[in-house]
């Protein structure tokens, strides 16, 4: 017996070591299995939506091997993940959810995020019919986590959420993402708010996001890739939006979700401009274009109707529709299958972040004492917004103020006082949408489907709005983590870490250099020393302040990031080549001569869009008045002069 024990002891030790290593590294080896399990719910939600009832994604056998046709294999996820970043804010959000605290997920997006072409919720009156949607609370009856009543606490009555019937469709990608998060971190107080608005871009949401989502949001999903125009100004607009979201009190995590369209001559879209801003603010970005595109190119007649919207409501009379395989396809809006793919990609990314941020078990903590060089320590998390903007004038000695936008929108359910201001005063009355001041005439409220406007068709009609420009806000403060990073020197740290490893190499290289020193050509040595000679400061040309602005890549400096530039006032209005739209002349206070003409008509015949125009800047803090008068002159070839106004925004 004693002999047997001596023989088995090494095997016992080996078994214990193997089990220890298995427990230690188990979280890193179950990646594929976890991915398949979490995708099953998303797949089932759209099963049967395609021809023949096939699922959107095909998982192979129970052994867990990926099928060749699986749309979520590793290669495709890597193609979709445009920017991963540090994940600091995402992991902070996950920590909150993991601790059992309730969280709020919100959406900023366009008609795709609204769910154009999807099936309304089963309990909505429009489900299975074509009746006009009504504003109601039935969508939230079976899902208490959906918030349809997001209004300021100072407003007495509550208004229902305004928007399309498909905002909370089970096929909507954002609903799928929230449902997964809610099942992963269940809490009856978890909340979901879809603030998507069709036909508007970052120019609108940069000022008006607070009109559509709660300020205490913890995770914000942004989808604007096909809503912004392919214009350099988009960079400034998109930064304005991201800074505003990231500076919200809860320091929310933001994920950018990019869809795409084949409507235009080029596949290039404004998402190309978004990426530089996303990288600057460490915001992860996930796009479906490069995952779907190989399939579209291989078999367009079959794949286009699968990935883009079809149905009885899509006809070739629509400028956004094209024919593929004898089917009219809306190439602007992805189908339920496309929504499921986008949701699956985001869920996959979130699961990766959950695994990376998972606290180590007691057993792993104990083992890490013996393998501290291999076990990764928790990374430094920096949640701060950069103290300087990307599109503004760089000045390291002056921090940018916080972004405090003020917006009054016809498409917001919120109630506000008669005078637009950051500190809302409802003591003298309140209302919804744009509040016309005394002296206005010839403007009426009008709606098309779920979109609402203030319109005029009478030349000479004047709309007047009172607003208050706020004093400059406080500067962005840096956290302890940012200061710690500022005090570190990555080059010096790297040299310290590799110093010991390179000592032997340096000695060996030094000996080799001594042996070959006699053969080194002095002329070559001199040229090596003189490769770079910096110009003396006294000899460099002086750059005037005016030259700095003229050298900017963006069309004009981002005045909103300049403390001394004063406040701005802007309007949101409709543009179209086919709606018979006219022009207005807008000015502030009594300065009519320095006003701005705003044209509703444009040449882009495939897009009817809500745009933003700055009327005046450099406004001093205090009360001001905006005037907009409908002009008799119009750019519309048919002579149309109707003007549609839907928002007024200011600092």
Foldseek 3Di string as FASTA:
>chain_A
DVVVCVVCPVVVVVVVVVVLVCQQCVLVPCLQVVLVVLLVVLQVLCQQVDPPRHTLADADDPVRDRDPRGLPDPVNLVVFFPAQFPCQLLLVLVVCLVVLHAAEEEEEEAVQLLPVQDAFAPQFPPGPHNDFGDFDDRSCPVPVQEDQFDADPPDDDTDGAFDDRSNCPSLALSNSLVVSSCVVRPDSNHHYFYQYYHFAALQVQLFCVVLGDPLRHAEYEYEHFARDAPDLVVLVSLLSNVLQNCPRPNSHAYEYEYEFFPLDPDRDTCVVSVVVSCVLQRHIYGYCCVSLVVVCVVAVLPRQPQFFRFDPVADPVASQWDHGVNTTTRRVHTDSSNSSSSSSSVVSSSVVSCSVSPDDDPSNVVCCVVVVVPDDDDDQRFSFGPQATPQAQDDPVDGFFRDQKWKFFQNGRYKFDQETESPTDCPVHIDHGHRFDPPFDQWDWDDDRSDIWTKGQDFFGKGKHKYFFAATHDGGDGDPSVVVVVPDDVVVVVCVVCVVVCPVVVVVVVVVCVVCVVVDDPVVVVCVVPVDDDDDPVPDDDDDPVNSQVPRPRPGHPLNRPNQWAKWKKFKWKAELPPLAFKKWKDKAPPSVLWDIDARYDDPHNGIHIDMDITDISDHGTMMMMMIGFHQDGPHPVSRHMITTTMMMMD
